[in-house]
């Protein structure tokens, strides 16, 4: 329902020469419950479309998180072709 997505827990991964992106998404007090997965999927689409700008391999993405971020990570991995923006 609330929180701050500003801090990224991936700093340890970033020092290993991986690109790390911490996305923001709408919380349930701002939008209906399914909005969060749409926001996360849109973030992945944006990253793929802009991968060459940031020297990112658009075919090799991973996601992780804890709490609601973990739930969104699981939904990203299991909703391919099901939820479209």
PDB file of N, CA and C in Angstrom:
ATOM      1  N   UNK A   1       0.804  -1.201   0.000  1.00  0.00           N
ATOM      2  CA  UNK A   1       0.000   0.000   0.000  1.00  0.00           C
ATOM      3  C   UNK A   1       0.849   1.268   0.000  1.00  0.00           C
ATOM      4  N   UNK A   2       2.034   1.179   0.555  1.00  0.00           N
ATOM      5  CA  UNK A   2       2.847   2.383   0.636  1.00  0.00           C
ATOM      6  C   UNK A   2       4.312   1.994   0.710  1.00  0.00           C
ATOM      7  N   UNK A   3       5.166   2.954   0.552  1.00  0.00           N
ATOM      8  CA  UNK A   3       6.593   2.693   0.637  1.00  0.00           C
ATOM      9  C   UNK A   3       7.367   3.672  -0.214  1.00  0.00           C
ATOM     10  N   UNK A   4       8.655   3.435  -0.298  1.00  0.00           N
ATOM     11  CA  UNK A   4       9.539   4.292  -1.065  1.00  0.00           C
ATOM     12  C   UNK A   4      10.442   3.408  -1.891  1.00  0.00           C
ATOM     13  N   UNK A   5      10.384   3.532  -3.188  1.00  0.00           N
ATOM     14  CA  UNK A   5      11.170   2.687  -4.077  1.00  0.00           C
ATOM     15  C   UNK A   5      12.512   3.329  -4.429  1.00  0.00           C
ATOM     16  N   UNK A   6      12.873   4.410  -3.762  1.00  0.00           N
ATOM     17  CA  UNK A   6      14.094   5.129  -4.100  1.00  0.00           C
ATOM     18  C   UNK A   6      15.350   4.316  -3.827  1.00  0.00           C
ATOM     19  N   UNK A   7      15.387   3.607  -2.732  1.00  0.00           N
ATOM     20  CA  UNK A   7      16.594   2.833  -2.417  1.00  0.00           C
ATOM     21  C   UNK A   7      16.574   1.516  -3.184  1.00  0.00           C
ATOM     22  N   UNK A   8      17.717   1.135  -3.679  1.00  0.00           N
ATOM     23  CA  UNK A   8      17.843  -0.095  -4.463  1.00  0.00           C
ATOM     24  C   UNK A   8      18.723  -1.068  -3.692  1.00  0.00           C
ATOM     25  N   UNK A   9      18.246  -2.263  -3.508  1.00  0.00           N
ATOM     26  CA  UNK A   9      19.010  -3.270  -2.775  1.00  0.00           C
ATOM     27  C   UNK A   9      20.043  -3.967  -3.649  1.00  0.00           C
ATOM     28  N   UNK A  10      20.202  -3.537  -4.885  1.00  0.00           N
ATOM     29  CA  UNK A  10      21.096  -4.225  -5.799  1.00  0.00           C
ATOM     30  C   UNK A  10      22.480  -3.649  -5.919  1.00  0.00           C
ATOM     31  N   UNK A  11      22.895  -2.820  -4.987  1.00  0.00           N
ATOM     32  CA  UNK A  11      24.219  -2.217  -5.091  1.00  0.00           C
ATOM     33  C   UNK A  11      25.322  -3.270  -5.098  1.00  0.00           C
ATOM     34  N   UNK A  12      25.145  -4.342  -4.348  1.00  0.00           N
ATOM     35  CA  UNK A  12      26.157  -5.395  -4.312  1.00  0.00           C
ATOM     36  C   UNK A  12      26.270  -6.078  -5.673  1.00  0.00           C
ATOM     37  N   UNK A  13      25.170  -6.181  -6.385  1.00  0.00           N
ATOM     38  CA  UNK A  13      25.169  -6.794  -7.712  1.00  0.00           C
ATOM     39  C   UNK A  13      25.787  -5.840  -8.732  1.00  0.00           C
ATOM     40  N   UNK A  14      25.510  -4.563  -8.596  1.00  0.00           N
ATOM     41  CA  UNK A  14      26.016  -3.571  -9.549  1.00  0.00           C
ATOM     42  C   UNK A  14      27.542  -3.534  -9.573  1.00  0.00           C
ATOM     43  N   UNK A  15      28.171  -3.739  -8.440  1.00  0.00           N
ATOM     44  CA  UNK A  15      29.636  -3.715  -8.420  1.00  0.00           C
ATOM     45  C   UNK A  15      30.239  -4.913  -9.148  1.00  0.00           C
ATOM     46  N   UNK A  16      29.425  -5.910  -9.446  1.00  0.00           N
ATOM     47  CA  UNK A  16      29.882  -7.079 -10.195  1.00  0.00           C
ATOM     48  C   UNK A  16      29.724  -6.871 -11.703  1.00  0.00           C
ATOM     49  N   UNK A  17      29.563  -5.648 -12.126  1.00  0.00           N
ATOM     50  CA  UNK A  17      29.437  -5.248 -13.523  1.00  0.00           C
ATOM     51  C   UNK A  17      28.110  -5.709 -14.132  1.00  0.00           C
ATOM     52  N   UNK A  18      27.075  -5.678 -13.343  1.00  0.00           N
ATOM     53  CA  UNK A  18      25.725  -5.900 -13.836  1.00  0.00           C
ATOM     54  C   UNK A  18      24.986  -4.577 -13.774  1.00  0.00           C
ATOM     55  N   UNK A  19      24.102  -4.365 -14.717  1.00  0.00           N
ATOM     56  CA  UNK A  19      23.242  -3.186 -14.662  1.00  0.00           C
ATOM     57  C   UNK A  19      22.114  -3.482 -13.685  1.00  0.00           C
ATOM     58  N   UNK A  20      21.812  -2.541 -12.816  1.00  0.00           N
ATOM     59  CA  UNK A  20      20.738  -2.702 -11.847  1.00  0.00           C
ATOM     60  C   UNK A  20      19.785  -1.528 -11.993  1.00  0.00           C
ATOM     61  N   UNK A  21      18.512  -1.833 -12.067  1.00  0.00           N
ATOM     62  CA  UNK A  21      17.484  -0.814 -12.199  1.00  0.00           C
ATOM     63  C   UNK A  21      16.451  -1.044 -11.111  1.00  0.00           C
ATOM     64  N   UNK A  22      16.124  -0.008 -10.399  1.00  0.00           N
ATOM     65  CA  UNK A  22      15.066  -0.068  -9.391  1.00  0.00           C
ATOM     66  C   UNK A  22      13.886   0.729  -9.931  1.00  0.00           C
ATOM     67  N   UNK A  23      12.769   0.045 -10.155  1.00  0.00           N
ATOM     68  CA  UNK A  23      11.620   0.712 -10.766  1.00  0.00           C
ATOM     69  C   UNK A  23      10.647   1.222  -9.706  1.00  0.00           C
ATOM     70  N   UNK A  24       9.868   2.183 -10.096  1.00  0.00           N
ATOM     71  CA  UNK A  24       8.746   2.644  -9.287  1.00  0.00           C
ATOM     72  C   UNK A  24       7.465   2.105  -9.893  1.00  0.00           C
ATOM     73  N   UNK A  25       6.507   1.851  -9.060  1.00  0.00           N
ATOM     74  CA  UNK A  25       5.183   1.454  -9.532  1.00  0.00           C
ATOM     75  C   UNK A  25       4.158   2.045  -8.590  1.00  0.00           C
ATOM     76  N   UNK A  26       2.946   2.139  -9.084  1.00  0.00           N
ATOM     77  CA  UNK A  26       1.867   2.739  -8.289  1.00  0.00           C
ATOM     78  C   UNK A  26       1.464   1.780  -7.169  1.00  0.00           C
ATOM     79  N   UNK A  27       1.275   2.333  -6.000  1.00  0.00           N
ATOM     80  CA  UNK A  27       0.817   1.536  -4.862  1.00  0.00           C
ATOM     81  C   UNK A  27      -0.703   1.418  -4.881  1.00  0.00           C
ATOM     82  N   UNK A  28      -1.221   0.500  -4.094  1.00  0.00           N
ATOM     83  CA  UNK A  28      -2.655   0.228  -4.125  1.00  0.00           C
ATOM     84  C   UNK A  28      -3.506   1.394  -3.625  1.00  0.00           C
ATOM     85  N   UNK A  29      -2.889   2.346  -2.929  1.00  0.00           N
ATOM     86  CA  UNK A  29      -3.673   3.515  -2.533  1.00  0.00           C
ATOM     87  C   UNK A  29      -3.795   4.518  -3.684  1.00  0.00           C
ATOM     88  N   UNK A  30      -3.055   4.284  -4.782  1.00  0.00           N
ATOM     89  CA  UNK A  30      -3.108   5.158  -5.952  1.00  0.00           C
ATOM     90  C   UNK A  30      -3.871   4.543  -7.116  1.00  0.00           C
ATOM     91  N   UNK A  31      -3.851   3.226  -7.221  1.00  0.00           N
ATOM     92  CA  UNK A  31      -4.422   2.553  -8.384  1.00  0.00           C
ATOM     93  C   UNK A  31      -4.917   1.166  -7.972  1.00  0.00           C
ATOM     94  N   UNK A  32      -5.783   0.593  -8.803  1.00  0.00           N
ATOM     95  CA  UNK A  32      -6.306  -0.728  -8.481  1.00  0.00           C
ATOM     96  C   UNK A  32      -5.173  -1.759  -8.454  1.00  0.00           C
ATOM     97  N   UNK A  33      -5.418  -2.870  -7.834  1.00  0.00           N
ATOM     98  CA  UNK A  33      -4.381  -3.857  -7.543  1.00  0.00           C
ATOM     99  C   UNK A  33      -3.619  -4.330  -8.778  1.00  0.00           C
ATOM    100  N   UNK A  34      -4.239  -4.515  -9.911  1.00  0.00           N
ATOM    101  CA  UNK A  34      -3.507  -5.019 -11.079  1.00  0.00           C
ATOM    102  C   UNK A  34      -2.587  -3.977 -11.717  1.00  0.00           C
ATOM    103  N   UNK A  35      -2.694  -2.728 -11.343  1.00  0.00           N
ATOM    104  CA  UNK A  35      -1.875  -1.670 -11.949  1.00  0.00           C
ATOM    105  C   UNK A  35      -0.390  -1.915 -11.716  1.00  0.00           C
ATOM    106  N   UNK A  36      -0.018  -2.505 -10.605  1.00  0.00           N
ATOM    107  CA  UNK A  36       1.387  -2.690 -10.271  1.00  0.00           C
ATOM    108  C   UNK A  36       2.095  -3.611 -11.266  1.00  0.00           C
ATOM    109  N   UNK A  37       1.454  -4.700 -11.673  1.00  0.00           N
ATOM    110  CA  UNK A  37       2.087  -5.592 -12.640  1.00  0.00           C
ATOM    111  C   UNK A  37       2.176  -4.922 -14.005  1.00  0.00           C
ATOM    112  N   UNK A  38       1.167  -4.138 -14.365  1.00  0.00           N
ATOM    113  CA  UNK A  38       1.244  -3.400 -15.625  1.00  0.00           C
ATOM    114  C   UNK A  38       2.411  -2.415 -15.598  1.00  0.00           C
ATOM    115  N   UNK A  39       2.612  -1.749 -14.477  1.00  0.00           N
ATOM    116  CA  UNK A  39       3.731  -0.812 -14.350  1.00  0.00           C
ATOM    117  C   UNK A  39       5.068  -1.540 -14.477  1.00  0.00           C
ATOM    118  N   UNK A  40       5.182  -2.701 -13.835  1.00  0.00           N
ATOM    119  CA  UNK A  40       6.428  -3.469 -13.898  1.00  0.00           C
ATOM    120  C   UNK A  40       6.690  -3.971 -15.312  1.00  0.00           C
ATOM    121  N   UNK A  41       5.654  -4.460 -15.984  1.00  0.00           N
ATOM    122  CA  UNK A  41       5.818  -4.934 -17.355  1.00  0.00           C
ATOM    123  C   UNK A  41       6.197  -3.782 -18.283  1.00  0.00           C
ATOM    124  N   UNK A  42       5.626  -2.620 -18.059  1.00  0.00           N
ATOM    125  CA  UNK A  42       5.976  -1.460 -18.873  1.00  0.00           C
ATOM    126  C   UNK A  42       7.426  -1.052 -18.642  1.00  0.00           C
ATOM    127  N   UNK A  43       7.902  -1.171 -17.412  1.00  0.00           N
ATOM    128  CA  UNK A  43       9.306  -0.863 -17.119  1.00  0.00           C
ATOM    129  C   UNK A  43      10.241  -1.805 -17.872  1.00  0.00           C
ATOM    130  N   UNK A  44       9.903  -3.081 -17.929  1.00  0.00           N
ATOM    131  CA  UNK A  44      10.723  -4.042 -18.667  1.00  0.00           C
ATOM    132  C   UNK A  44      10.693  -3.716 -20.161  1.00  0.00           C
ATOM    133  N   UNK A  45       9.515  -3.385 -20.681  1.00  0.00           N
ATOM    134  CA  UNK A  45       9.428  -2.999 -22.096  1.00  0.00           C
ATOM    135  C   UNK A  45      10.318  -1.795 -22.383  1.00  0.00           C
ATOM    136  N   UNK A  46      10.256  -0.808 -21.495  1.00  0.00           N
ATOM    137  CA  UNK A  46      11.067   0.401 -21.680  1.00  0.00           C
ATOM    138  C   UNK A  46      12.552   0.050 -21.673  1.00  0.00           C
ATOM    139  N   UNK A  47      12.953  -0.798 -20.736  1.00  0.00           N
ATOM    140  CA  UNK A  47      14.354  -1.202 -20.664  1.00  0.00           C
ATOM    141  C   UNK A  47      14.798  -1.916 -21.941  1.00  0.00           C
ATOM    142  N   UNK A  48      13.958  -2.786 -22.449  1.00  0.00           N
ATOM    143  CA  UNK A  48      14.312  -3.497 -23.688  1.00  0.00           C
ATOM    144  C   UNK A  48      14.424  -2.530 -24.859  1.00  0.00           C
ATOM    145  N   UNK A  49      13.490  -1.587 -24.943  1.00  0.00           N
ATOM    146  CA  UNK A  49      13.509  -0.621 -26.044  1.00  0.00           C
ATOM    147  C   UNK A  49      14.710   0.318 -25.971  1.00  0.00           C
ATOM    148  N   UNK A  50      15.197   0.593 -24.775  1.00  0.00           N
ATOM    149  CA  UNK A  50      16.289   1.532 -24.582  1.00  0.00           C
ATOM    150  C   UNK A  50      17.604   0.851 -24.200  1.00  0.00           C
ATOM    151  N   UNK A  51      17.663  -0.454 -24.343  1.00  0.00           N
ATOM    152  CA  UNK A  51      18.836  -1.221 -23.916  1.00  0.00           C
ATOM    153  C   UNK A  51      20.119  -0.740 -24.580  1.00  0.00           C
ATOM    154  N   UNK A  52      20.064  -0.427 -25.847  1.00  0.00           N
ATOM    155  CA  UNK A  52      21.295  -0.025 -26.538  1.00  0.00           C
ATOM    156  C   UNK A  52      21.833   1.303 -26.004  1.00  0.00           C
ATOM    157  N   UNK A  53      20.968   2.172 -25.540  1.00  0.00           N
ATOM    158  CA  UNK A  53      21.420   3.448 -24.956  1.00  0.00           C
ATOM    159  C   UNK A  53      22.273   3.241 -23.712  1.00  0.00           C
ATOM    160  N   UNK A  54      21.972   2.174 -22.969  1.00  0.00           N
ATOM    161  CA  UNK A  54      22.648   1.917 -21.701  1.00  0.00           C
ATOM    162  C   UNK A  54      23.581   0.714 -21.759  1.00  0.00           C
ATOM    163  N   UNK A  55      23.805   0.205 -22.974  1.00  0.00           N
ATOM    164  CA  UNK A  55      24.677  -0.948 -23.172  1.00  0.00           C
ATOM    165  C   UNK A  55      24.228  -2.157 -22.339  1.00  0.00           C
ATOM    166  N   UNK A  56      22.930  -2.438 -22.413  1.00  0.00           N
ATOM    167  CA  UNK A  56      22.315  -3.550 -21.695  1.00  0.00           C
ATOM    168  C   UNK A  56      21.920  -4.620 -22.710  1.00  0.00           C
ATOM    169  N   UNK A  57      22.154  -5.878 -22.385  1.00  0.00           N
ATOM    170  CA  UNK A  57      21.723  -6.988 -23.237  1.00  0.00           C
ATOM    171  C   UNK A  57      20.229  -7.187 -23.025  1.00  0.00           C
ATOM    172  N   UNK A  58      19.431  -6.846 -24.020  1.00  0.00           N
ATOM    173  CA  UNK A  58      17.976  -6.878 -23.868  1.00  0.00           C
ATOM    174  C   UNK A  58      17.405  -8.291 -23.777  1.00  0.00           C
ATOM    175  N   UNK A  59      18.219  -9.307 -24.032  1.00  0.00           N
ATOM    176  CA  UNK A  59      17.770 -10.692 -23.940  1.00  0.00           C
ATOM    177  C   UNK A  59      18.127 -11.345 -22.608  1.00  0.00           C
ATOM    178  N   UNK A  60      18.814 -10.620 -21.737  1.00  0.00           N
ATOM    179  CA  UNK A  60      19.277 -11.213 -20.475  1.00  0.00           C
ATOM    180  C   UNK A  60      18.896 -10.309 -19.307  1.00  0.00           C
ATOM    181  N   UNK A  61      17.666 -10.455 -18.870  1.00  0.00           N
ATOM    182  CA  UNK A  61      17.157  -9.691 -17.733  1.00  0.00           C
ATOM    183  C   UNK A  61      16.845 -10.647 -16.597  1.00  0.00           C
ATOM    184  N   UNK A  62      17.012 -10.173 -15.401  1.00  0.00           N
ATOM    185  CA  UNK A  62      16.577 -10.904 -14.220  1.00  0.00           C
ATOM    186  C   UNK A  62      15.823  -9.938 -13.331  1.00  0.00           C
ATOM    187  N   UNK A  63      14.938 -10.462 -12.526  1.00  0.00           N
ATOM    188  CA  UNK A  63      14.189  -9.627 -11.585  1.00  0.00           C
ATOM    189  C   UNK A  63      14.208 -10.281 -10.218  1.00  0.00           C
ATOM    190  N   UNK A  64      14.134  -9.475  -9.177  1.00  0.00           N
ATOM    191  CA  UNK A  64      14.022 -10.001  -7.828  1.00  0.00           C
ATOM    192  C   UNK A  64      13.426  -8.929  -6.929  1.00  0.00           C
ATOM    193  N   UNK A  65      13.047  -9.346  -5.779  1.00  0.00           N
ATOM    194  CA  UNK A  65      12.524  -8.412  -4.798  1.00  0.00           C
ATOM    195  C   UNK A  65      12.055  -9.157  -3.574  1.00  0.00           C
ATOM    196  N   UNK A  66      11.719  -8.391  -2.572  1.00  0.00           N
ATOM    197  CA  UNK A  66      11.126  -8.991  -1.389  1.00  0.00           C
ATOM    198  C   UNK A  66       9.754  -8.357  -1.178  1.00  0.00           C
ATOM    199  N   UNK A  67       8.933  -9.020  -0.419  1.00  0.00           N
ATOM    200  CA  UNK A  67       7.591  -8.534  -0.126  1.00  0.00           C
ATOM    201  C   UNK A  67       6.831  -8.313  -1.429  1.00  0.00           C
ATOM    202  N   UNK A  68       6.236  -7.148  -1.606  1.00  0.00           N
ATOM    203  CA  UNK A  68       5.447  -6.911  -2.824  1.00  0.00           C
ATOM    204  C   UNK A  68       6.325  -6.921  -4.069  1.00  0.00           C
ATOM    205  N   UNK A  69       7.579  -6.523  -3.943  1.00  0.00           N
ATOM    206  CA  UNK A  69       8.491  -6.580  -5.088  1.00  0.00           C
ATOM    207  C   UNK A  69       8.726  -8.029  -5.515  1.00  0.00           C
ATOM    208  N   UNK A  70       8.782  -8.926  -4.567  1.00  0.00           N
ATOM    209  CA  UNK A  70       8.932 -10.347  -4.873  1.00  0.00           C
ATOM    210  C   UNK A  70       7.706 -10.888  -5.589  1.00  0.00           C
ATOM    211  N   UNK A  71       6.532 -10.443  -5.157  1.00  0.00           N
ATOM    212  CA  UNK A  71       5.306 -10.865  -5.827  1.00  0.00           C
ATOM    213  C   UNK A  71       5.296 -10.366  -7.274  1.00  0.00           C
ATOM    214  N   UNK A  72       5.692  -9.115  -7.482  1.00  0.00           N
ATOM    215  CA  UNK A  72       5.746  -8.582  -8.844  1.00  0.00           C
ATOM    216  C   UNK A  72       6.781  -9.326  -9.679  1.00  0.00           C
ATOM    217  N   UNK A  73       7.901  -9.697  -9.088  1.00  0.00           N
ATOM    218  CA  UNK A  73       8.920 -10.474  -9.799  1.00  0.00           C
ATOM    219  C   UNK A  73       8.337 -11.808 -10.265  1.00  0.00           C
ATOM    220  N   UNK A  74       7.603 -12.469  -9.391  1.00  0.00           N
ATOM    221  CA  UNK A  74       6.979 -13.745  -9.749  1.00  0.00           C
ATOM    222  C   UNK A  74       5.943 -13.559 -10.852  1.00  0.00           C
ATOM    223  N   UNK A  75       5.159 -12.496 -10.765  1.00  0.00           N
ATOM    224  CA  UNK A  75       4.163 -12.231 -11.800  1.00  0.00           C
ATOM    225  C   UNK A  75       4.818 -11.907 -13.143  1.00  0.00           C
ATOM    226  N   UNK A  76       5.933 -11.183 -13.113  1.00  0.00           N
ATOM    227  CA  UNK A  76       6.653 -10.914 -14.365  1.00  0.00           C
ATOM    228  C   UNK A  76       7.110 -12.208 -15.014  1.00  0.00           C
ATOM    229  N   UNK A  77       7.537 -13.151 -14.205  1.00  0.00           N
ATOM    230  CA  UNK A  77       8.041 -14.409 -14.735  1.00  0.00           C
ATOM    231  C   UNK A  77       6.964 -15.380 -15.188  1.00  0.00           C
ATOM    232  N   UNK A  78       5.720 -15.153 -14.802  1.00  0.00           N
ATOM    233  CA  UNK A  78       4.670 -16.111 -15.118  1.00  0.00           C
ATOM    234  C   UNK A  78       3.529 -15.532 -15.947  1.00  0.00           C
ATOM    235  N   UNK A  79       3.595 -14.263 -16.295  1.00  0.00           N
ATOM    236  CA  UNK A  79       2.458 -13.640 -16.984  1.00  0.00           C
ATOM    237  C   UNK A  79       2.753 -13.290 -18.443  1.00  0.00           C
ATOM    238  N   UNK A  80       3.779 -13.865 -19.016  1.00  0.00           N
ATOM    239  CA  UNK A  80       4.117 -13.557 -20.412  1.00  0.00           C
ATOM    240  C   UNK A  80       2.934 -13.857 -21.330  1.00  0.00           C
ATOM    241  N   UNK A  81       2.560 -12.875 -22.116  1.00  0.00           N
ATOM    242  CA  UNK A  81       1.464 -13.052 -23.062  1.00  0.00           C
ATOM    243  C   UNK A  81       0.076 -12.995 -22.447  1.00  0.00           C
ATOM    244  N   UNK A  82      -0.015 -12.908 -21.132  1.00  0.00           N
ATOM    245  CA  UNK A  82      -1.312 -12.896 -20.473  1.00  0.00           C
ATOM    246  C   UNK A  82      -1.781 -11.470 -20.219  1.00  0.00           C
ATOM    247  N   UNK A  83      -0.926 -10.654 -19.669  1.00  0.00           N
ATOM    248  CA  UNK A  83      -1.275  -9.277 -19.346  1.00  0.00           C
ATOM    249  C   UNK A  83      -0.586  -8.341 -20.336  1.00  0.00           C
ATOM    250  N   UNK A  84      -1.367  -7.616 -21.070  1.00  0.00           N
ATOM    251  CA  UNK A  84      -0.807  -6.678 -22.045  1.00  0.00           C
ATOM    252  C   UNK A  84      -1.211  -5.263 -21.646  1.00  0.00           C
ATOM    253  N   UNK A  85      -0.315  -4.319 -21.917  1.00  0.00           N
ATOM    254  CA  UNK A  85      -0.613  -2.919 -21.640  1.00  0.00           C
ATOM    255  C   UNK A  85      -1.287  -2.337 -22.847  1.00  0.00           C
TER     256      UNK A  85
END
